[in-house]
N, C-alpha and C. Protein backbone atom coordinates (compact mmCIF):
# COMPACT_ATOMS: atom_id res chain seq x y z
N MET A 1 155.01 72.69 59.68
CA MET A 1 154.40 73.94 60.07
C MET A 1 153.21 73.65 60.99
N SER A 2 153.14 74.39 62.07
CA SER A 2 152.05 74.16 63.02
C SER A 2 150.76 74.79 62.49
N LYS A 3 149.67 74.17 62.86
CA LYS A 3 148.38 74.69 62.42
C LYS A 3 148.01 75.90 63.26
N LEU A 4 147.36 76.85 62.63
CA LEU A 4 146.92 78.05 63.32
C LEU A 4 145.54 77.83 63.93
N THR A 5 145.32 78.47 65.04
CA THR A 5 143.99 78.42 65.63
C THR A 5 143.07 79.35 64.83
N ALA A 6 141.79 79.24 65.08
CA ALA A 6 140.82 80.08 64.37
C ALA A 6 141.09 81.56 64.62
N ALA A 7 141.42 81.90 65.85
CA ALA A 7 141.69 83.30 66.19
C ALA A 7 142.95 83.80 65.47
N GLU A 8 143.97 82.95 65.39
CA GLU A 8 145.20 83.34 64.71
C GLU A 8 144.97 83.51 63.20
N ARG A 9 144.15 82.63 62.61
CA ARG A 9 143.82 82.75 61.19
C ARG A 9 143.05 84.04 60.92
N LYS A 10 142.10 84.33 61.81
CA LYS A 10 141.30 85.55 61.66
C LYS A 10 142.19 86.78 61.76
N ALA A 11 143.08 86.80 62.71
CA ALA A 11 143.99 87.93 62.88
C ALA A 11 144.90 88.08 61.66
N ARG A 12 145.39 86.97 61.14
CA ARG A 12 146.25 87.00 59.95
C ARG A 12 145.48 87.53 58.75
N ASP A 13 144.26 87.04 58.54
CA ASP A 13 143.44 87.48 57.42
C ASP A 13 143.07 88.96 57.55
N ASP A 14 142.72 89.39 58.75
CA ASP A 14 142.39 90.80 58.97
C ASP A 14 143.58 91.69 58.64
N GLU A 15 144.76 91.28 59.04
CA GLU A 15 145.97 92.05 58.75
C GLU A 15 146.20 92.13 57.24
N ARG A 16 146.00 91.03 56.55
CA ARG A 16 146.19 91.01 55.09
C ARG A 16 145.20 91.94 54.40
N PHE A 17 143.92 91.87 54.78
CA PHE A 17 142.93 92.73 54.15
C PHE A 17 143.18 94.20 54.47
N SER A 18 143.59 94.47 55.70
CA SER A 18 143.92 95.84 56.08
C SER A 18 145.06 96.37 55.22
N GLN A 19 146.06 95.54 55.01
CA GLN A 19 147.21 95.91 54.19
C GLN A 19 146.78 96.16 52.74
N ARG A 20 145.96 95.27 52.21
CA ARG A 20 145.51 95.41 50.81
C ARG A 20 144.71 96.68 50.61
N VAL A 21 143.83 97.00 51.57
CA VAL A 21 143.03 98.22 51.46
C VAL A 21 143.95 99.44 51.53
N SER A 22 144.91 99.41 52.43
CA SER A 22 145.85 100.53 52.56
C SER A 22 146.67 100.70 51.28
N GLU A 23 147.14 99.59 50.71
CA GLU A 23 147.92 99.66 49.47
C GLU A 23 147.09 100.25 48.34
N ARG A 24 145.86 99.81 48.21
CA ARG A 24 144.99 100.32 47.14
C ARG A 24 144.70 101.81 47.35
N ARG A 25 144.51 102.19 48.60
CA ARG A 25 144.25 103.60 48.91
C ARG A 25 145.47 104.45 48.53
N GLU A 26 146.66 103.96 48.85
CA GLU A 26 147.90 104.70 48.53
C GLU A 26 148.11 104.83 47.03
N LYS A 27 147.73 103.78 46.29
CA LYS A 27 147.90 103.80 44.83
C LYS A 27 146.82 104.63 44.14
N GLY A 28 145.80 105.01 44.90
CA GLY A 28 144.71 105.79 44.31
C GLY A 28 143.68 104.92 43.62
N GLU A 29 143.70 103.64 43.89
CA GLU A 29 142.73 102.72 43.29
C GLU A 29 141.39 102.82 44.01
N ASP A 30 140.39 102.22 43.42
CA ASP A 30 139.04 102.27 43.96
C ASP A 30 138.88 101.24 45.08
N VAL A 31 139.02 101.68 46.32
CA VAL A 31 138.91 100.76 47.45
C VAL A 31 137.46 100.34 47.67
N ILE A 32 136.52 101.16 47.22
CA ILE A 32 135.11 100.83 47.40
C ILE A 32 134.74 99.63 46.52
N ALA A 33 135.22 99.63 45.30
CA ALA A 33 134.97 98.49 44.41
C ALA A 33 135.60 97.22 45.00
N TYR A 34 136.79 97.36 45.56
CA TYR A 34 137.46 96.21 46.18
C TYR A 34 136.64 95.70 47.36
N ALA A 35 136.10 96.62 48.17
CA ALA A 35 135.30 96.22 49.32
C ALA A 35 133.99 95.57 48.88
N LEU A 36 133.40 96.06 47.80
CA LEU A 36 132.18 95.45 47.30
C LEU A 36 132.44 94.03 46.80
N ALA A 37 133.60 93.83 46.20
CA ALA A 37 133.95 92.51 45.69
C ALA A 37 134.41 91.58 46.80
N THR A 38 135.05 92.13 47.80
CA THR A 38 135.60 91.34 48.90
C THR A 38 134.97 91.81 50.20
N LYS A 39 133.99 91.11 50.66
CA LYS A 39 133.21 91.54 51.83
C LYS A 39 134.07 91.75 53.07
N LYS A 40 135.15 91.01 53.21
CA LYS A 40 135.98 91.12 54.41
C LYS A 40 136.73 92.45 54.48
N ALA A 41 136.87 93.13 53.35
CA ALA A 41 137.60 94.39 53.32
C ALA A 41 136.77 95.56 53.80
N VAL A 42 135.47 95.37 53.95
CA VAL A 42 134.56 96.47 54.31
C VAL A 42 134.95 97.10 55.64
N LYS A 43 135.33 96.30 56.61
CA LYS A 43 135.59 96.85 57.94
C LYS A 43 136.86 97.71 58.00
N PHE A 44 137.62 97.77 56.92
CA PHE A 44 138.83 98.58 56.91
C PHE A 44 138.64 99.88 56.14
N LEU A 45 137.40 100.18 55.76
CA LEU A 45 137.10 101.43 55.07
C LEU A 45 136.89 102.55 56.09
N THR A 46 137.13 103.77 55.65
CA THR A 46 136.84 104.92 56.50
C THR A 46 135.34 105.18 56.45
N LYS A 47 134.86 106.07 57.34
CA LYS A 47 133.43 106.37 57.38
C LYS A 47 132.94 106.93 56.05
N SER A 48 133.70 107.84 55.46
CA SER A 48 133.27 108.43 54.20
C SER A 48 133.27 107.38 53.08
N GLU A 49 134.23 106.48 53.12
CA GLU A 49 134.27 105.40 52.12
C GLU A 49 133.09 104.45 52.30
N ARG A 50 132.71 104.20 53.54
CA ARG A 50 131.55 103.33 53.80
C ARG A 50 130.26 103.97 53.30
N LYS A 51 130.13 105.28 53.51
CA LYS A 51 128.94 105.98 53.02
C LYS A 51 128.89 105.91 51.50
N ALA A 52 130.03 106.14 50.86
CA ALA A 52 130.09 106.07 49.40
C ALA A 52 129.80 104.65 48.92
N MET A 53 130.25 103.66 49.66
CA MET A 53 129.99 102.27 49.30
C MET A 53 128.49 101.97 49.40
N ASN A 54 127.85 102.46 50.44
CA ASN A 54 126.41 102.23 50.59
C ASN A 54 125.63 102.89 49.47
N VAL A 55 126.05 104.08 49.05
CA VAL A 55 125.39 104.76 47.94
C VAL A 55 125.58 103.95 46.67
N ARG A 56 126.80 103.51 46.43
CA ARG A 56 127.08 102.74 45.22
C ARG A 56 126.33 101.41 45.23
N LYS A 57 126.25 100.79 46.39
CA LYS A 57 125.53 99.52 46.52
C LYS A 57 124.05 99.71 46.20
N ALA A 58 123.47 100.82 46.69
CA ALA A 58 122.06 101.12 46.41
C ALA A 58 121.85 101.37 44.92
N GLU A 59 122.81 102.06 44.29
CA GLU A 59 122.71 102.30 42.84
C GLU A 59 122.77 100.99 42.07
N LEU A 60 123.65 100.10 42.48
CA LEU A 60 123.76 98.81 41.81
C LEU A 60 122.49 97.99 41.97
N GLN A 61 121.89 98.03 43.15
CA GLN A 61 120.64 97.30 43.38
C GLN A 61 119.51 97.88 42.54
N GLU A 62 119.46 99.20 42.43
CA GLU A 62 118.43 99.85 41.62
C GLU A 62 118.60 99.49 40.14
N GLU A 63 119.85 99.50 39.69
CA GLU A 63 120.15 99.13 38.31
C GLU A 63 119.74 97.68 38.03
N LYS A 64 120.03 96.82 38.97
CA LYS A 64 119.66 95.40 38.82
C LYS A 64 118.15 95.24 38.79
N ARG A 65 117.45 95.99 39.66
CA ARG A 65 115.99 95.92 39.70
C ARG A 65 115.39 96.40 38.38
N LEU A 66 115.94 97.47 37.81
CA LEU A 66 115.44 97.98 36.54
C LEU A 66 115.67 96.97 35.40
N LYS A 67 116.83 96.34 35.40
CA LYS A 67 117.13 95.34 34.36
C LYS A 67 116.17 94.16 34.46
N GLU A 68 115.89 93.72 35.69
CA GLU A 68 114.96 92.61 35.89
C GLU A 68 113.56 93.01 35.44
N LYS A 69 113.18 94.25 35.72
CA LYS A 69 111.85 94.73 35.32
C LYS A 69 111.74 94.77 33.79
N GLU A 70 112.81 95.26 33.11
CA GLU A 70 112.81 95.30 31.65
C GLU A 70 112.75 93.90 31.06
N GLU A 71 113.50 92.99 31.65
CA GLU A 71 113.50 91.62 31.16
C GLU A 71 112.12 90.98 31.34
N LEU A 72 111.50 91.22 32.46
CA LEU A 72 110.16 90.70 32.70
C LEU A 72 109.17 91.27 31.69
N ALA A 73 109.29 92.55 31.38
CA ALA A 73 108.41 93.18 30.39
C ALA A 73 108.62 92.56 29.01
N ARG A 74 109.87 92.28 28.65
CA ARG A 74 110.18 91.63 27.35
C ARG A 74 109.56 90.24 27.30
N ILE A 75 109.69 89.50 28.39
CA ILE A 75 109.14 88.15 28.44
C ILE A 75 107.61 88.20 28.33
N GLU A 76 107.00 89.10 29.06
CA GLU A 76 105.55 89.24 28.98
C GLU A 76 105.11 89.64 27.58
N ALA A 77 105.87 90.53 26.94
CA ALA A 77 105.55 90.95 25.58
C ALA A 77 105.68 89.79 24.60
N SER A 78 106.67 88.94 24.81
CA SER A 78 106.84 87.80 23.91
C SER A 78 105.69 86.81 24.08
N PHE A 79 105.20 86.65 25.31
CA PHE A 79 104.05 85.76 25.52
C PHE A 79 102.78 86.34 24.92
N SER A 80 102.57 87.62 25.09
CA SER A 80 101.37 88.22 24.53
C SER A 80 101.43 88.22 23.01
N GLY A 81 102.62 88.31 22.43
CA GLY A 81 102.80 88.22 20.98
C GLY A 81 102.49 86.84 20.48
N GLN A 82 102.82 85.80 21.22
CA GLN A 82 102.54 84.42 20.83
C GLN A 82 101.06 84.14 20.90
N GLU A 83 100.38 84.70 21.90
CA GLU A 83 98.94 84.48 22.04
C GLU A 83 98.19 85.09 20.85
N ASP A 84 98.66 86.22 20.36
CA ASP A 84 98.03 86.88 19.22
C ASP A 84 98.15 86.02 17.96
N GLN A 85 99.26 85.31 17.84
CA GLN A 85 99.50 84.49 16.65
C GLN A 85 98.65 83.22 16.65
N GLU A 86 98.25 82.76 17.82
CA GLU A 86 97.48 81.50 17.91
C GLU A 86 96.07 81.66 17.55
């Protein structure tokens, strides 16, 4: 089998991701979750799907920030609790 050039590989991969996004859309699956998991699939989303993806991405980042803040507060509380015991 002959080796593919970089452009041929890119074209092949783009076609595959385009097909996968279309198949998921036809099945009624969550294409936004697929695009978030697979960065290469993002360019095959529609404008409305991209907007929804950006909203969901912002929500995920906010959720992550809140979890980190809670964890930091727990850690600080555990340190202040240890200082009281000493």
